[in-house]
């Protein structure tokens, strides 16, 4: 007599635990991700169009983007940098706080400071919009993974198949 082992098969069954809440979390993650991407894109376009409407052109002595209209984070940053360069040149290297209160150049430096702050605010807005869109992509990926994992059937037992 030869000893043979009976073959076994995996019996696949649906999970016995309720996974509806997990699936819902996955779907909400996907929807939240879509919303984050949409809102980030809307903010990016809005800030870009507002900057473009100001008709600011990067001057020829800027570090980069010479002659281009300020409409994005890089052109806004370069414009803020060249404004500081021009302001410091006008004040012989002194900042607003270092000038005497009656110095006529002080008003120019104050305006330069306000312009730079506004441009840097737009740079930060572009960064926040890009961050929101990136988190939106991750949320979609994680939401899809969670939803998929909750939908995967599980092996609940091994059954021996008898050969007769």
Protein backbone atom coordinates (compact mmCIF):
# COMPACT_ATOMS: atom_id res chain seq x y z
CA UNK A 1 0.00 0.00 0.00
CA UNK A 2 1.26 3.34 -0.86
CA UNK A 3 0.60 6.34 1.30
CA UNK A 4 -0.93 9.18 -0.60
CA UNK A 5 -2.00 12.45 0.76
CA UNK A 6 -5.33 13.81 -0.19
CA UNK A 7 -5.15 17.08 -2.12
CA UNK A 8 -6.31 20.23 -0.41
CA UNK A 9 -8.00 23.26 -1.89
CA UNK A 10 -8.49 26.73 -0.57
CA UNK A 11 -12.08 27.65 0.09
CA UNK A 12 -12.59 31.32 -0.58
CA UNK A 13 -15.33 33.03 1.29
CA UNK A 14 -16.44 36.57 1.79
CA UNK A 15 -15.27 38.14 5.06
CA UNK A 16 -17.48 37.41 8.02
CA UNK A 17 -16.75 40.80 9.56
CA UNK A 18 -18.57 43.84 8.33
CA UNK A 19 -16.28 45.90 6.07
CA UNK A 20 -18.81 48.47 4.91
CA UNK A 21 -17.26 51.20 7.04
CA UNK A 22 -13.79 50.42 5.69
CA UNK A 23 -15.07 50.57 2.12
CA UNK A 24 -16.79 53.86 2.91
CA UNK A 25 -13.51 55.24 4.29
CA UNK A 26 -11.83 54.28 1.02
CA UNK A 27 -14.51 55.97 -1.05
CA UNK A 28 -14.35 59.10 1.13
CA UNK A 29 -10.57 59.13 0.69
CA UNK A 30 -10.98 59.04 -3.08
CA UNK A 31 -13.64 61.77 -3.06
CA UNK A 32 -11.60 63.91 -0.67
CA UNK A 33 -8.58 63.50 -2.93
CA UNK A 34 -10.55 64.62 -5.95
CA UNK A 35 -11.79 67.66 -4.00
CA UNK A 36 -8.24 68.55 -2.89
CA UNK A 37 -6.94 68.36 -6.43
CA UNK A 38 -9.83 70.47 -7.72
CA UNK A 39 -9.49 73.14 -5.01
CA UNK A 40 -5.69 73.25 -5.40
CA UNK A 41 -6.05 73.72 -9.13
CA UNK A 42 -8.65 76.47 -8.70
CA UNK A 43 -6.39 78.35 -6.25
CA UNK A 44 -3.38 77.97 -8.55
CA UNK A 45 -5.34 79.35 -11.52
CA UNK A 46 -6.86 82.17 -9.45
CA UNK A 47 -3.53 83.36 -8.02
CA UNK A 48 -1.87 83.07 -11.42
CA UNK A 49 -4.59 85.08 -13.14
CA UNK A 50 -4.48 87.77 -10.45
CA UNK A 51 -0.72 88.10 -10.82
CA UNK A 52 -1.00 88.17 -14.60
CA UNK A 53 -3.65 90.93 -14.35
CA UNK A 54 -1.11 93.18 -12.61
CA UNK A 55 1.00 93.19 -15.82
CA UNK A 56 4.28 92.94 -13.91
CA UNK A 57 7.24 92.21 -16.17
CA UNK A 58 10.45 90.79 -14.76
CA UNK A 59 13.19 93.36 -15.50
CA UNK A 60 16.27 92.61 -17.58
CA UNK A 61 18.63 92.74 -14.59
CA UNK A 62 16.79 89.98 -12.71
CA UNK A 63 18.48 86.64 -12.02
CA UNK A 64 16.11 84.76 -14.37
CA UNK A 65 12.90 85.04 -16.42
CA UNK A 66 13.86 88.46 -17.82
CA UNK A 67 11.03 90.04 -19.83
CA UNK A 68 8.42 87.48 -18.72
CA UNK A 69 5.11 88.40 -17.11
CA UNK A 70 4.87 87.50 -13.43
CA UNK A 71 2.27 84.73 -13.35
CA UNK A 72 3.74 81.83 -11.38
CA UNK A 73 5.73 81.02 -8.26
CA UNK A 74 9.15 81.26 -9.87
CA UNK A 75 8.57 84.56 -11.65
CA UNK A 76 7.00 86.01 -8.48
CA UNK A 77 10.01 84.95 -6.41
CA UNK A 78 12.49 86.40 -8.91
CA UNK A 79 10.50 89.64 -9.06
CA UNK A 80 10.53 89.93 -5.25
CA UNK A 81 14.27 89.33 -5.26
CA UNK A 82 14.99 92.05 -7.83
CA UNK A 83 12.74 94.50 -5.97
CA UNK A 84 14.91 94.00 -2.90
CA UNK A 85 18.05 94.47 -5.00
CA UNK A 86 16.73 97.76 -6.42
CA UNK A 87 15.51 98.99 -3.03
CA UNK A 88 18.87 98.32 -1.37
CA UNK A 89 20.63 100.06 -4.27
CA UNK A 90 18.41 103.12 -3.76
CA UNK A 91 19.18 103.22 -0.03
CA UNK A 92 22.92 102.51 -0.24
CA UNK A 93 22.39 99.05 1.27
CA UNK A 94 20.27 100.17 4.21
CA UNK A 95 16.96 98.53 5.07
CA UNK A 96 13.77 100.40 5.90
CA UNK A 97 14.43 100.12 9.65
CA UNK A 98 17.98 101.43 9.29
CA UNK A 99 16.97 104.68 7.56
CA UNK A 100 16.22 107.89 9.45
CA UNK A 101 12.51 108.62 9.80
CA UNK A 102 12.77 111.76 7.67
CA UNK A 103 14.80 110.11 4.90
CA UNK A 104 12.86 110.48 1.60
CA UNK A 105 14.07 107.02 0.44
CA UNK A 106 12.24 105.42 3.36
CA UNK A 107 8.88 105.59 1.52
CA UNK A 108 10.44 103.80 -1.47
CA UNK A 109 11.74 101.03 0.77
CA UNK A 110 8.37 100.74 2.50
CA UNK A 111 6.64 100.28 -0.87
CA UNK A 112 9.29 97.78 -1.91
CA UNK A 113 8.72 95.85 1.30
CA UNK A 114 4.96 95.76 0.73
CA UNK A 115 5.41 94.59 -2.86
CA UNK A 116 7.83 91.86 -1.80
CA UNK A 117 5.46 90.68 0.93
CA UNK A 118 2.61 90.49 -1.59
CA UNK A 119 4.72 88.56 -4.06
CA UNK A 120 5.93 86.17 -1.37
CA UNK A 121 2.31 85.64 -0.31
CA UNK A 122 1.53 84.51 -3.84
CA UNK A 123 4.57 82.19 -3.78
CA UNK A 124 3.24 80.64 -0.56
CA UNK A 125 -0.24 80.34 -2.12
CA UNK A 126 1.21 78.43 -5.05
CA UNK A 127 3.01 76.16 -2.59
CA UNK A 128 -0.13 75.48 -0.58
CA UNK A 129 -2.07 74.77 -3.78
CA UNK A 130 0.62 72.33 -4.96
CA UNK A 131 0.67 70.70 -1.52
CA UNK A 132 -3.12 70.28 -1.59
CA UNK A 133 -2.97 68.68 -5.03
CA UNK A 134 -0.18 66.33 -3.92
CA UNK A 135 -2.11 65.29 -0.82
CA UNK A 136 -5.14 64.81 -3.06
CA UNK A 137 -3.23 62.36 -5.25
CA UNK A 138 -2.03 60.45 -2.17
CA UNK A 139 -5.55 60.42 -0.75
CA UNK A 140 -6.89 58.89 -3.95
CA UNK A 141 -4.16 56.24 -3.94
CA UNK A 142 -4.69 55.38 -0.27
CA UNK A 143 -8.49 55.47 -0.59
CA UNK A 144 -8.38 53.13 -3.57
CA UNK A 145 -6.03 50.77 -1.71
CA UNK A 146 -8.23 50.73 1.40
CA UNK A 147 -11.35 50.13 -0.67
CA UNK A 148 -9.63 47.34 -2.62
CA UNK A 149 -8.30 45.66 0.50
CA UNK A 150 -11.76 45.68 2.07
CA UNK A 151 -13.14 44.01 -1.06
CA UNK A 152 -10.60 41.17 -1.25
CA UNK A 153 -12.05 37.82 -0.30
CA UNK A 154 -10.23 35.87 2.37
CA UNK A 155 -9.28 32.22 2.68
CA UNK A 156 -11.25 30.96 5.63
CA UNK A 157 -10.26 27.29 5.70
CA UNK A 158 -8.54 24.54 3.81
CA UNK A 159 -10.64 21.64 2.70
CA UNK A 160 -9.39 18.18 1.91
CA UNK A 161 -10.67 16.76 -1.31
CA UNK A 162 -11.32 13.06 -1.24
CA UNK A 163 -10.70 11.09 -4.34
CA UNK A 164 -13.34 8.45 -4.80
